[in-house]
Amino acid sequence: MTTTYDLQLLADEHLSRAQNSAHGRSAHLLLREDPLRQSVIALTAGNALDEHYTPVAATLQVLRGTVRLTAASGDVTLVAGQLHPIGPERHGLTAVTDAAVLLTTVTA
């Protein structure tokens, strides 16, 4: 049976968890069907995910708030409703405001 996810509800839930977390973040792996993975990640304003490498392919969809994706090829600010591909390079993510994103990766 296929599971249907309410992304708006998950964004709200994880933003609330991030706001109540000492680390200002919350994440949940929704889908892990190799090679596809999808996770909801919430960060409070000013918190970040340190630089790391992208798997084979990835996209970032902003569900709530505003984030800044940093990379050698250039930084980009994204707002709720935007979807952005993440290239195969080191990158990081910072919440400009309290934010929730859907990260989709292909790992093979």
PDB file of N, CA and C in Angstrom:
ATOM      1  N   MET A   1       0.838  -1.178   0.000  1.00  0.00           N
ATOM      2  CA  MET A   1       0.000   0.000   0.000  1.00  0.00           C
ATOM      3  C   MET A   1       0.884   1.243   0.000  1.00  0.00           C
ATOM      4  N   THR A   2       0.540   2.203  -0.827  1.00  0.00           N
ATOM      5  CA  THR A   2       1.284   3.448  -0.937  1.00  0.00           C
ATOM      6  C   THR A   2       0.822   4.427   0.130  1.00  0.00           C
ATOM      7  N   THR A   3       1.773   5.113   0.739  1.00  0.00           N
ATOM      8  CA  THR A   3       1.455   6.113   1.747  1.00  0.00           C
ATOM      9  C   THR A   3       1.373   7.480   1.092  1.00  0.00           C
ATOM     10  N   THR A   4       0.381   8.256   1.478  1.00  0.00           N
ATOM     11  CA  THR A   4       0.239   9.632   1.015  1.00  0.00           C
ATOM     12  C   THR A   4       0.635  10.546   2.155  1.00  0.00           C
ATOM     13  N   TYR A   5       1.468  11.539   1.857  1.00  0.00           N
ATOM     14  CA  TYR A   5       1.950  12.464   2.873  1.00  0.00           C
ATOM     15  C   TYR A   5       1.343  13.845   2.671  1.00  0.00           C
ATOM     16  N   ASP A   6       0.971  14.491   3.753  1.00  0.00           N
ATOM     17  CA  ASP A   6       0.501  15.873   3.728  1.00  0.00           C
ATOM     18  C   ASP A   6       1.712  16.747   4.050  1.00  0.00           C
ATOM     19  N   LEU A   7       2.333  17.306   3.017  1.00  0.00           N
ATOM     20  CA  LEU A   7       3.567  18.073   3.211  1.00  0.00           C
ATOM     21  C   LEU A   7       3.358  19.329   4.055  1.00  0.00           C
ATOM     22  N   GLN A   8       2.198  19.945   3.943  1.00  0.00           N
ATOM     23  CA  GLN A   8       1.933  21.148   4.737  1.00  0.00           C
ATOM     24  C   GLN A   8       1.852  20.790   6.221  1.00  0.00           C
ATOM     25  N   LEU A   9       1.187  19.701   6.531  1.00  0.00           N
ATOM     26  CA  LEU A   9       1.084  19.236   7.912  1.00  0.00           C
ATOM     27  C   LEU A   9       2.459  18.844   8.454  1.00  0.00           C
ATOM     28  N   LEU A  10       3.239  18.127   7.658  1.00  0.00           N
ATOM     29  CA  LEU A  10       4.581  17.741   8.076  1.00  0.00           C
ATOM     30  C   LEU A  10       5.486  18.959   8.272  1.00  0.00           C
ATOM     31  N   ALA A  11       5.360  19.951   7.402  1.00  0.00           N
ATOM     32  CA  ALA A  11       6.151  21.176   7.549  1.00  0.00           C
ATOM     33  C   ALA A  11       5.817  21.855   8.871  1.00  0.00           C
ATOM     34  N   ASP A  12       4.535  21.981   9.175  1.00  0.00           N
ATOM     35  CA  ASP A  12       4.115  22.614  10.428  1.00  0.00           C
ATOM     36  C   ASP A  12       4.606  21.826  11.640  1.00  0.00           C
ATOM     37  N   GLU A  13       4.473  20.503  11.576  1.00  0.00           N
ATOM     38  CA  GLU A  13       4.884  19.638  12.685  1.00  0.00           C
ATOM     39  C   GLU A  13       6.388  19.771  12.952  1.00  0.00           C
ATOM     40  N   HIS A  14       7.185  19.736  11.898  1.00  0.00           N
ATOM     41  CA  HIS A  14       8.630  19.777  12.096  1.00  0.00           C
ATOM     42  C   HIS A  14       9.139  21.180  12.403  1.00  0.00           C
ATOM     43  N   LEU A  15       8.438  22.203  11.941  1.00  0.00           N
ATOM     44  CA  LEU A  15       8.801  23.554  12.366  1.00  0.00           C
ATOM     45  C   LEU A  15       8.566  23.714  13.859  1.00  0.00           C
ATOM     46  N   SER A  16       7.462  23.182  14.349  1.00  0.00           N
ATOM     47  CA  SER A  16       7.170  23.238  15.779  1.00  0.00           C
ATOM     48  C   SER A  16       8.243  22.486  16.564  1.00  0.00           C
ATOM     49  N   ARG A  17       8.635  21.318  16.080  1.00  0.00           N
ATOM     50  CA  ARG A  17       9.688  20.546  16.748  1.00  0.00           C
ATOM     51  C   ARG A  17      11.021  21.298  16.736  1.00  0.00           C
ATOM     52  N   ALA A  18      11.352  21.917  15.598  1.00  0.00           N
ATOM     53  CA  ALA A  18      12.601  22.676  15.502  1.00  0.00           C
ATOM     54  C   ALA A  18      12.599  23.854  16.467  1.00  0.00           C
ATOM     55  N   GLN A  19      11.455  24.526  16.571  1.00  0.00           N
ATOM     56  CA  GLN A  19      11.347  25.680  17.462  1.00  0.00           C
ATOM     57  C   GLN A  19      11.489  25.280  18.927  1.00  0.00           C
ATOM     58  N   ASN A  20      11.177  24.034  19.235  1.00  0.00           N
ATOM     59  CA  ASN A  20      11.283  23.544  20.613  1.00  0.00           C
ATOM     60  C   ASN A  20      12.560  22.738  20.852  1.00  0.00           C
ATOM     61  N   SER A  21      13.433  22.692  19.862  1.00  0.00           N
ATOM     62  CA  SER A  21      14.673  21.937  19.960  1.00  0.00           C
ATOM     63  C   SER A  21      15.835  22.863  20.317  1.00  0.00           C
ATOM     64  N   ALA A  22      16.733  22.382  21.137  1.00  0.00           N
ATOM     65  CA  ALA A  22      17.918  23.162  21.490  1.00  0.00           C
ATOM     66  C   ALA A  22      18.794  23.420  20.270  1.00  0.00           C
ATOM     67  N   HIS A  23      18.710  22.562  19.253  1.00  0.00           N
ATOM     68  CA  HIS A  23      19.528  22.693  18.053  1.00  0.00           C
ATOM     69  C   HIS A  23      18.822  23.453  16.934  1.00  0.00           C
ATOM     70  N   GLY A  24      17.536  23.769  17.116  1.00  0.00           N
ATOM     71  CA  GLY A  24      16.805  24.536  16.116  1.00  0.00           C
ATOM     72  C   GLY A  24      16.568  23.800  14.820  1.00  0.00           C
ATOM     73  N   ARG A  25      16.452  22.476  14.898  1.00  0.00           N
ATOM     74  CA  ARG A  25      16.195  21.719  13.674  1.00  0.00           C
ATOM     75  C   ARG A  25      15.401  20.453  13.971  1.00  0.00           C
ATOM     76  N   SER A  26      14.751  19.956  12.940  1.00  0.00           N
ATOM     77  CA  SER A  26      14.024  18.698  13.007  1.00  0.00           C
ATOM     78  C   SER A  26      13.988  18.114  11.594  1.00  0.00           C
ATOM     79  N   ALA A  27      14.082  16.802  11.491  1.00  0.00           N
ATOM     80  CA  ALA A  27      14.061  16.164  10.176  1.00  0.00           C
ATOM     81  C   ALA A  27      13.355  14.821  10.259  1.00  0.00           C
ATOM     82  N   HIS A  28      12.780  14.421   9.125  1.00  0.00           N
ATOM     83  CA  HIS A  28      12.083  13.139   9.062  1.00  0.00           C
ATOM     84  C   HIS A  28      12.257  12.558   7.663  1.00  0.00           C
ATOM     85  N   LEU A  29      12.782  11.334   7.588  1.00  0.00           N
ATOM     86  CA  LEU A  29      12.907  10.630   6.319  1.00  0.00           C
ATOM     87  C   LEU A  29      11.548  10.052   5.959  1.00  0.00           C
ATOM     88  N   LEU A  30      10.956  10.567   4.867  1.00  0.00           N
ATOM     89  CA  LEU A  30       9.621  10.123   4.445  1.00  0.00           C
ATOM     90  C   LEU A  30       9.685   8.868   3.592  1.00  0.00           C
ATOM     91  N   LEU A  31      10.598   8.894   2.657  1.00  0.00           N
ATOM     92  CA  LEU A  31      10.627   7.852   1.643  1.00  0.00           C
ATOM     93  C   LEU A  31      12.058   7.379   1.455  1.00  0.00           C
ATOM     94  N   ARG A  32      12.222   6.061   1.499  1.00  0.00           N
ATOM     95  CA  ARG A  32      13.531   5.481   1.237  1.00  0.00           C
ATOM     96  C   ARG A  32      13.317   4.252   0.377  1.00  0.00           C
ATOM     97  N   GLU A  33      13.211   4.496  -0.883  1.00  0.00           N
ATOM     98  CA  GLU A  33      13.066   3.423  -1.865  1.00  0.00           C
ATOM     99  C   GLU A  33      14.210   3.580  -2.839  1.00  0.00           C
ATOM    100  N   ASP A  34      15.330   2.893  -2.526  1.00  0.00           N
ATOM    101  CA  ASP A  34      16.550   3.087  -3.305  1.00  0.00           C
ATOM    102  C   ASP A  34      16.255   3.078  -4.787  1.00  0.00           C
ATOM    103  N   PRO A  35      16.760   4.056  -5.518  1.00  0.00           N
ATOM    104  CA  PRO A  35      17.755   5.043  -5.107  1.00  0.00           C
ATOM    105  C   PRO A  35      17.143   6.383  -4.655  1.00  0.00           C
ATOM    106  N   LEU A  36      15.833   6.439  -4.456  1.00  0.00           N
ATOM    107  CA  LEU A  36      15.161   7.706  -4.128  1.00  0.00           C
ATOM    108  C   LEU A  36      14.975   7.865  -2.622  1.00  0.00           C
ATOM    109  N   ARG A  37      15.289   9.072  -2.144  1.00  0.00           N
ATOM    110  CA  ARG A  37      15.048   9.409  -0.736  1.00  0.00           C
ATOM    111  C   ARG A  37      14.429  10.790  -0.669  1.00  0.00           C
ATOM    112  N   GLN A  38      13.454  10.944   0.230  1.00  0.00           N
ATOM    113  CA  GLN A  38      12.835  12.245   0.452  1.00  0.00           C
ATOM    114  C   GLN A  38      12.735  12.494   1.947  1.00  0.00           C
ATOM    115  N   SER A  39      13.126  13.702   2.346  1.00  0.00           N
ATOM    116  CA  SER A  39      13.104  14.078   3.757  1.00  0.00           C
ATOM    117  C   SER A  39      12.523  15.472   3.923  1.00  0.00           C
ATOM    118  N   VAL A  40      11.760  15.654   4.990  1.00  0.00           N
ATOM    119  CA  VAL A  40      11.332  16.991   5.398  1.00  0.00           C
ATOM    120  C   VAL A  40      12.334  17.446   6.446  1.00  0.00           C
ATOM    121  N   ILE A  41      12.874  18.651   6.249  1.00  0.00           N
ATOM    122  CA  ILE A  41      13.839  19.232   7.173  1.00  0.00           C
ATOM    123  C   ILE A  41      13.334  20.604   7.573  1.00  0.00           C
ATOM    124  N   ALA A  42      13.312  20.872   8.876  1.00  0.00           N
ATOM    125  CA  ALA A  42      12.903  22.185   9.378  1.00  0.00           C
ATOM    126  C   ALA A  42      14.059  22.799  10.158  1.00  0.00           C
ATOM    127  N   LEU A  43      14.280  24.087   9.938  1.00  0.00           N
ATOM    128  CA  LEU A  43      15.328  24.839  10.629  1.00  0.00           C
ATOM    129  C   LEU A  43      14.751  26.155  11.117  1.00  0.00           C
ATOM    130  N   THR A  44      15.138  26.567  12.307  1.00  0.00           N
ATOM    131  CA  THR A  44      14.731  27.892  12.767  1.00  0.00           C
ATOM    132  C   THR A  44      15.696  28.925  12.195  1.00  0.00           C
ATOM    133  N   ALA A  45      15.247  30.169  12.146  1.00  0.00           N
ATOM    134  CA  ALA A  45      16.021  31.259  11.553  1.00  0.00           C
ATOM    135  C   ALA A  45      17.442  31.287  12.108  1.00  0.00           C
ATOM    136  N   GLY A  46      18.418  31.364  11.181  1.00  0.00           N
ATOM    137  CA  GLY A  46      19.814  31.439  11.568  1.00  0.00           C
ATOM    138  C   GLY A  46      20.506  30.099  11.699  1.00  0.00           C
ATOM    139  N   ASN A  47      19.766  29.015  11.780  1.00  0.00           N
ATOM    140  CA  ASN A  47      20.374  27.686  11.878  1.00  0.00           C
ATOM    141  C   ASN A  47      20.699  27.159  10.485  1.00  0.00           C
ATOM    142  N   ALA A  48      21.659  26.233  10.441  1.00  0.00           N
ATOM    143  CA  ALA A  48      22.151  25.779   9.143  1.00  0.00           C
ATOM    144  C   ALA A  48      22.489  24.304   9.143  1.00  0.00           C
ATOM    145  N   LEU A  49      22.566  23.768   7.942  1.00  0.00           N
ATOM    146  CA  LEU A  49      23.148  22.453   7.703  1.00  0.00           C
ATOM    147  C   LEU A  49      24.523  22.735   7.105  1.00  0.00           C
ATOM    148  N   ASP A  50      25.562  22.233   7.724  1.00  0.00           N
ATOM    149  CA  ASP A  50      26.923  22.495   7.261  1.00  0.00           C
ATOM    150  C   ASP A  50      27.124  21.990   5.843  1.00  0.00           C
ATOM    151  N   GLU A  51      28.161  22.496   5.209  1.00  0.00           N
ATOM    152  CA  GLU A  51      28.472  22.077   3.850  1.00  0.00           C
ATOM    153  C   GLU A  51      28.659  20.571   3.762  1.00  0.00           C
ATOM    154  N   HIS A  52      28.150  20.024   2.672  1.00  0.00           N
ATOM    155  CA  HIS A  52      28.260  18.593   2.410  1.00  0.00           C
ATOM    156  C   HIS A  52      28.103  18.386   0.907  1.00  0.00           C
ATOM    157  N   TYR A  53      28.331  17.174   0.441  1.00  0.00           N
ATOM    158  CA  TYR A  53      28.198  16.867  -0.981  1.00  0.00           C
ATOM    159  C   TYR A  53      26.811  16.320  -1.292  1.00  0.00           C
ATOM    160  N   THR A  54      26.368  16.574  -2.507  1.00  0.00           N
ATOM    161  CA  THR A  54      25.101  16.053  -3.002  1.00  0.00           C
ATOM    162  C   THR A  54      25.317  14.643  -3.535  1.00  0.00           C
ATOM    163  N   PRO A  55      24.341  13.765  -3.307  1.00  0.00           N
ATOM    164  CA  PRO A  55      24.413  12.467  -3.997  1.00  0.00           C
ATOM    165  C   PRO A  55      24.323  12.698  -5.513  1.00  0.00           C
ATOM    166  N   VAL A  56      24.025  11.681  -6.244  1.00  0.00           N
ATOM    167  CA  VAL A  56      23.984  11.763  -7.708  1.00  0.00           C
ATOM    168  C   VAL A  56      23.128  12.931  -8.203  1.00  0.00           C
ATOM    169  N   ALA A  57      21.966  13.112  -7.627  1.00  0.00           N
ATOM    170  CA  ALA A  57      21.074  14.210  -8.020  1.00  0.00           C
ATOM    171  C   ALA A  57      20.204  14.585  -6.822  1.00  0.00           C
ATOM    172  N   ALA A  58      19.803  15.864  -6.771  1.00  0.00           N
ATOM    173  CA  ALA A  58      18.977  16.313  -5.654  1.00  0.00           C
ATOM    174  C   ALA A  58      18.189  17.566  -6.036  1.00  0.00           C
ATOM    175  N   THR A  59      17.047  17.732  -5.360  1.00  0.00           N
ATOM    176  CA  THR A  59      16.281  18.972  -5.467  1.00  0.00           C
ATOM    177  C   THR A  59      15.871  19.400  -4.069  1.00  0.00           C
ATOM    178  N   LEU A  60      15.631  20.697  -3.936  1.00  0.00           N
ATOM    179  CA  LEU A  60      15.184  21.272  -2.683  1.00  0.00           C
ATOM    180  C   LEU A  60      13.909  22.060  -2.964  1.00  0.00           C
ATOM    181  N   GLN A  61      12.820  21.678  -2.305  1.00  0.00           N
ATOM    182  CA  GLN A  61      11.540  22.376  -2.443  1.00  0.00           C
ATOM    183  C   GLN A  61      11.250  23.054  -1.109  1.00  0.00           C
ATOM    184  N   VAL A  62      11.048  24.363  -1.132  1.00  0.00           N
ATOM    185  CA  VAL A  62      10.772  25.098   0.099  1.00  0.00           C
ATOM    186  C   VAL A  62       9.277  25.029   0.386  1.00  0.00           C
ATOM    187  N   LEU A  63       8.947  24.494   1.556  1.00  0.00           N
ATOM    188  CA  LEU A  63       7.552  24.354   1.966  1.00  0.00           C
ATOM    189  C   LEU A  63       7.079  25.542   2.804  1.00  0.00           C
ATOM    190  N   ARG A  64       7.975  26.073   3.639  1.00  0.00           N
ATOM    191  CA  ARG A  64       7.678  27.215   4.508  1.00  0.00           C
ATOM    192  C   ARG A  64       8.916  28.087   4.612  1.00  0.00           C
ATOM    193  N   GLY A  65       8.728  29.386   4.707  1.00  0.00           N
ATOM    194  CA  GLY A  65       9.818  30.296   5.012  1.00  0.00           C
ATOM    195  C   GLY A  65      10.764  30.576   3.862  1.00  0.00           C
ATOM    196  N   THR A  66      11.985  31.005   4.245  1.00  0.00           N
ATOM    197  CA  THR A  66      13.020  31.399   3.292  1.00  0.00           C
ATOM    198  C   THR A  66      14.341  30.748   3.700  1.00  0.00           C
ATOM    199  N   VAL A  67      15.053  30.184   2.721  1.00  0.00           N
ATOM    200  CA  VAL A  67      16.346  29.562   2.968  1.00  0.00           C
ATOM    201  C   VAL A  67      17.376  30.111   1.984  1.00  0.00           C
ATOM    202  N   ARG A  68      18.636  29.930   2.336  1.00  0.00           N
ATOM    203  CA  ARG A  68      19.742  30.304   1.451  1.00  0.00           C
ATOM    204  C   ARG A  68      20.587  29.057   1.224  1.00  0.00           C
ATOM    205  N   LEU A  69      20.664  28.668  -0.039  1.00  0.00           N
ATOM    206  CA  LEU A  69      21.487  27.541  -0.456  1.00  0.00           C
ATOM    207  C   LEU A  69      22.828  28.109  -0.889  1.00  0.00           C
ATOM    208  N   THR A  70      23.911  27.666  -0.246  1.00  0.00           N
ATOM    209  CA  THR A  70      25.235  28.186  -0.569  1.00  0.00           C
ATOM    210  C   THR A  70      26.039  27.116  -1.289  1.00  0.00           C
ATOM    211  N   ALA A  71      26.749  27.547  -2.334  1.00  0.00           N
ATOM    212  CA  ALA A  71      27.568  26.619  -3.123  1.00  0.00           C
ATOM    213  C   ALA A  71      28.636  27.421  -3.863  1.00  0.00           C
ATOM    214  N   ALA A  72      29.691  26.739  -4.284  1.00  0.00           N
ATOM    215  CA  ALA A  72      30.768  27.393  -5.020  1.00  0.00           C
ATOM    216  C   ALA A  72      30.262  28.031  -6.314  1.00  0.00           C
ATOM    217  N   SER A  73      29.256  27.430  -6.922  1.00  0.00           N
ATOM    218  CA  SER A  73      28.718  27.960  -8.185  1.00  0.00           C
ATOM    219  C   SER A  73      27.847  29.198  -7.971  1.00  0.00           C
ATOM    220  N   GLY A  74      27.560  29.516  -6.710  1.00  0.00           N
ATOM    221  CA  GLY A  74      26.761  30.702  -6.407  1.00  0.00           C
ATOM    222  C   GLY A  74      25.683  30.389  -5.391  1.00  0.00           C
ATOM    223  N   ASP A  75      25.374  31.380  -4.601  1.00  0.00           N
ATOM    224  CA  ASP A  75      24.337  31.237  -3.587  1.00  0.00           C
ATOM    225  C   ASP A  75      22.987  31.622  -4.178  1.00  0.00           C
ATOM    226  N   VAL A  76      21.930  31.021  -3.629  1.00  0.00           N
ATOM    227  CA  VAL A  76      20.583  31.350  -4.082  1.00  0.00           C
ATOM    228  C   VAL A  76      19.661  31.381  -2.869  1.00  0.00           C
ATOM    229  N   THR A  77      18.787  32.388  -2.846  1.00  0.00           N
ATOM    230  CA  THR A  77      17.775  32.488  -1.805  1.00  0.00           C
ATOM    231  C   THR A  77      16.472  31.959  -2.375  1.00  0.00           C
ATOM    232  N   LEU A  78      15.830  31.068  -1.623  1.00  0.00           N
ATOM    233  CA  LEU A  78      14.599  30.411  -2.072  1.00  0.00           C
ATOM    234  C   LEU A  78      13.493  30.661  -1.060  1.00  0.00           C
ATOM    235  N   VAL A  79      12.275  30.817  -1.554  1.00  0.00           N
ATOM    236  CA  VAL A  79      11.118  31.055  -0.691  1.00  0.00           C
ATOM    237  C   VAL A  79      10.085  29.957  -0.891  1.00  0.00           C
ATOM    238  N   ALA A  80       9.133  29.905   0.020  1.00  0.00           N
ATOM    239  CA  ALA A  80       8.076  28.891  -0.027  1.00  0.00           C
ATOM    240  C   ALA A  80       7.463  28.817  -1.418  1.00  0.00           C
ATOM    241  N   GLY A  81       7.334  27.582  -1.900  1.00  0.00           N
ATOM    242  CA  GLY A  81       6.752  27.340  -3.211  1.00  0.00           C
ATOM    243  C   GLY A  81       7.788  27.138  -4.308  1.00  0.00           C
ATOM    244  N   GLN A  82       9.061  27.435  -4.026  1.00  0.00           N
ATOM    245  CA  GLN A  82      10.090  27.283  -5.049  1.00  0.00           C
ATOM    246  C   GLN A  82      10.777  25.922  -4.942  1.00  0.00           C
ATOM    247  N   LEU A  83      11.172  25.411  -6.101  1.00  0.00           N
ATOM    248  CA  LEU A  83      11.888  24.144  -6.230  1.00  0.00           C
ATOM    249  C   LEU A  83      13.191  24.441  -6.953  1.00  0.00           C
ATOM    250  N   HIS A  84      14.306  23.917  -6.425  1.00  0.00           N
ATOM    251  CA  HIS A  84      15.611  24.229  -7.003  1.00  0.00           C
ATOM    252  C   HIS A  84      16.470  22.970  -7.077  1.00  0.00           C
ATOM    253  N   PRO A  85      17.102  22.714  -8.235  1.00  0.00           N
ATOM    254  CA  PRO A  85      18.019  21.574  -8.319  1.00  0.00           C
ATOM    255  C   PRO A  85      19.300  21.890  -7.547  1.00  0.00           C
ATOM    256  N   ILE A  86      19.903  20.867  -6.975  1.00  0.00           N
ATOM    257  CA  ILE A  86      21.177  21.022  -6.271  1.00  0.00           C
ATOM    258  C   ILE A  86      22.228  20.281  -7.076  1.00  0.00           C
ATOM    259  N   GLY A  87      23.217  21.014  -7.534  1.00  0.00           N
ATOM    260  CA  GLY A  87      24.261  20.427  -8.365  1.00  0.00           C
ATOM    261  C   GLY A  87      25.194  19.523  -7.578  1.00  0.00           C
ATOM    262  N   PRO A  88      26.007  18.733  -8.285  1.00  0.00           N
ATOM    263  CA  PRO A  88      26.937  17.799  -7.645  1.00  0.00           C
ATOM    264  C   PRO A  88      28.190  18.516  -7.127  1.00  0.00           C
ATOM    265  N   GLU A  89      28.009  19.336  -6.108  1.00  0.00           N
ATOM    266  CA  GLU A  89      29.106  20.082  -5.507  1.00  0.00           C
ATOM    267  C   GLU A  89      28.815  20.284  -4.025  1.00  0.00           C
ATOM    268  N   ARG A  90      29.829  20.693  -3.276  1.00  0.00           N
ATOM    269  CA  ARG A  90      29.616  20.983  -1.861  1.00  0.00           C
ATOM    270  C   ARG A  90      28.631  22.131  -1.749  1.00  0.00           C
ATOM    271  N   HIS A  91      27.736  21.999  -0.776  1.00  0.00           N
ATOM    272  CA  HIS A  91      26.736  23.044  -0.563  1.00  0.00           C
ATOM    273  C   HIS A  91      26.293  23.017   0.896  1.00  0.00           C
ATOM    274  N   GLY A  92      25.658  24.093   1.312  1.00  0.00           N
ATOM    275  CA  GLY A  92      25.104  24.183   2.657  1.00  0.00           C
ATOM    276  C   GLY A  92      23.739  24.854   2.576  1.00  0.00           C
ATOM    277  N   LEU A  93      23.022  24.823   3.678  1.00  0.00           N
ATOM    278  CA  LEU A  93      21.679  25.403   3.722  1.00  0.00           C
ATOM    279  C   LEU A  93      21.516  26.174   5.027  1.00  0.00           C
ATOM    280  N   THR A  94      21.056  27.422   4.920  1.00  0.00           N
ATOM    281  CA  THR A  94      20.812  28.257   6.093  1.00  0.00           C
ATOM    282  C   THR A  94      19.380  28.756   6.047  1.00  0.00           C
ATOM    283  N   ALA A  95      18.705  28.717   7.190  1.00  0.00           N
ATOM    284  CA  ALA A  95      17.350  29.263   7.281  1.00  0.00           C
ATOM    285  C   ALA A  95      17.439  30.771   7.495  1.00  0.00           C
ATOM    286  N   VAL A  96      16.905  31.533   6.568  1.00  0.00           N
ATOM    287  CA  VAL A  96      16.840  32.988   6.701  1.00  0.00           C
ATOM    288  C   VAL A  96      15.728  33.330   7.690  1.00  0.00           C
ATOM    289  N   THR A  97      14.593  32.637   7.547  1.00  0.00           N
ATOM    290  CA  THR A  97      13.488  32.696   8.497  1.00  0.00           C
ATOM    291  C   THR A  97      13.237  31.263   8.938  1.00  0.00           C
ATOM    292  N   ASP A  98      12.378  31.047   9.909  1.00  0.00           N
ATOM    293  CA  ASP A  98      11.987  29.673  10.225  1.00  0.00           C
ATOM    294  C   ASP A  98      11.506  29.049   8.924  1.00  0.00           C
ATOM    295  N   ALA A  99      12.007  27.853   8.617  1.00  0.00           N
ATOM    296  CA  ALA A  99      11.731  27.269   7.301  1.00  0.00           C
ATOM    297  C   ALA A  99      11.633  25.760   7.356  1.00  0.00           C
ATOM    298  N   ALA A 100      10.891  25.211   6.396  1.00  0.00           N
ATOM    299  CA  ALA A 100      10.803  23.767   6.208  1.00  0.00           C
ATOM    300  C   ALA A 100      10.967  23.484   4.725  1.00  0.00           C
ATOM    301  N   VAL A 101      11.726  22.428   4.412  1.00  0.00           N
ATOM    302  CA  VAL A 101      11.993  22.071   3.022  1.00  0.00           C
ATOM    303  C   VAL A 101      11.762  20.583   2.818  1.00  0.00           C
ATOM    304  N   LEU A 102      11.548  20.226   1.555  1.00  0.00           N
ATOM    305  CA  LEU A 102      11.499  18.827   1.151  1.00  0.00           C
ATOM    306  C   LEU A 102      12.751  18.590   0.327  1.00  0.00           C
ATOM    307  N   LEU A 103      13.629  17.724   0.816  1.00  0.00           N
ATOM    308  CA  LEU A 103      14.850  17.379   0.113  1.00  0.00           C
ATOM    309  C   LEU A 103      14.632  16.034  -0.574  1.00  0.00           C
ATOM    310  N   THR A 104      14.839  16.015  -1.876  1.00  0.00           N
ATOM    311  CA  THR A 104      14.722  14.783  -2.656  1.00  0.00           C
ATOM    312  C   THR A 104      16.095  14.454  -3.212  1.00  0.00           C
ATOM    313  N   THR A 105      16.564  13.234  -2.976  1.00  0.00           N
ATOM    314  CA  THR A 105      17.876  12.827  -3.488  1.00  0.00           C
ATOM    315  C   THR A 105      17.779  11.489  -4.213  1.00  0.00           C
ATOM    316  N   VAL A 106      18.650  11.350  -5.187  1.00  0.00           N
ATOM    317  CA  VAL A 106      18.851  10.079  -5.886  1.00  0.00           C
ATOM    318  C   VAL A 106      20.265   9.657  -5.522  1.00  0.00           C
ATOM    319  N   THR A 107      20.402   8.460  -4.977  1.00  0.00           N
ATOM    320  CA  THR A 107      21.693   8.061  -4.404  1.00  0.00           C
ATOM    321  C   THR A 107      22.501   7.106  -5.262  1.00  0.00           C
ATOM    322  N   ALA A 108      21.967   6.649  -6.367  1.00  0.00           N
ATOM    323  CA  ALA A 108      22.750   5.725  -7.217  1.00  0.00           C
ATOM    324  C   ALA A 108      22.573   6.053  -8.676  1.00  0.00           C
TER     325      ALA A 108
END
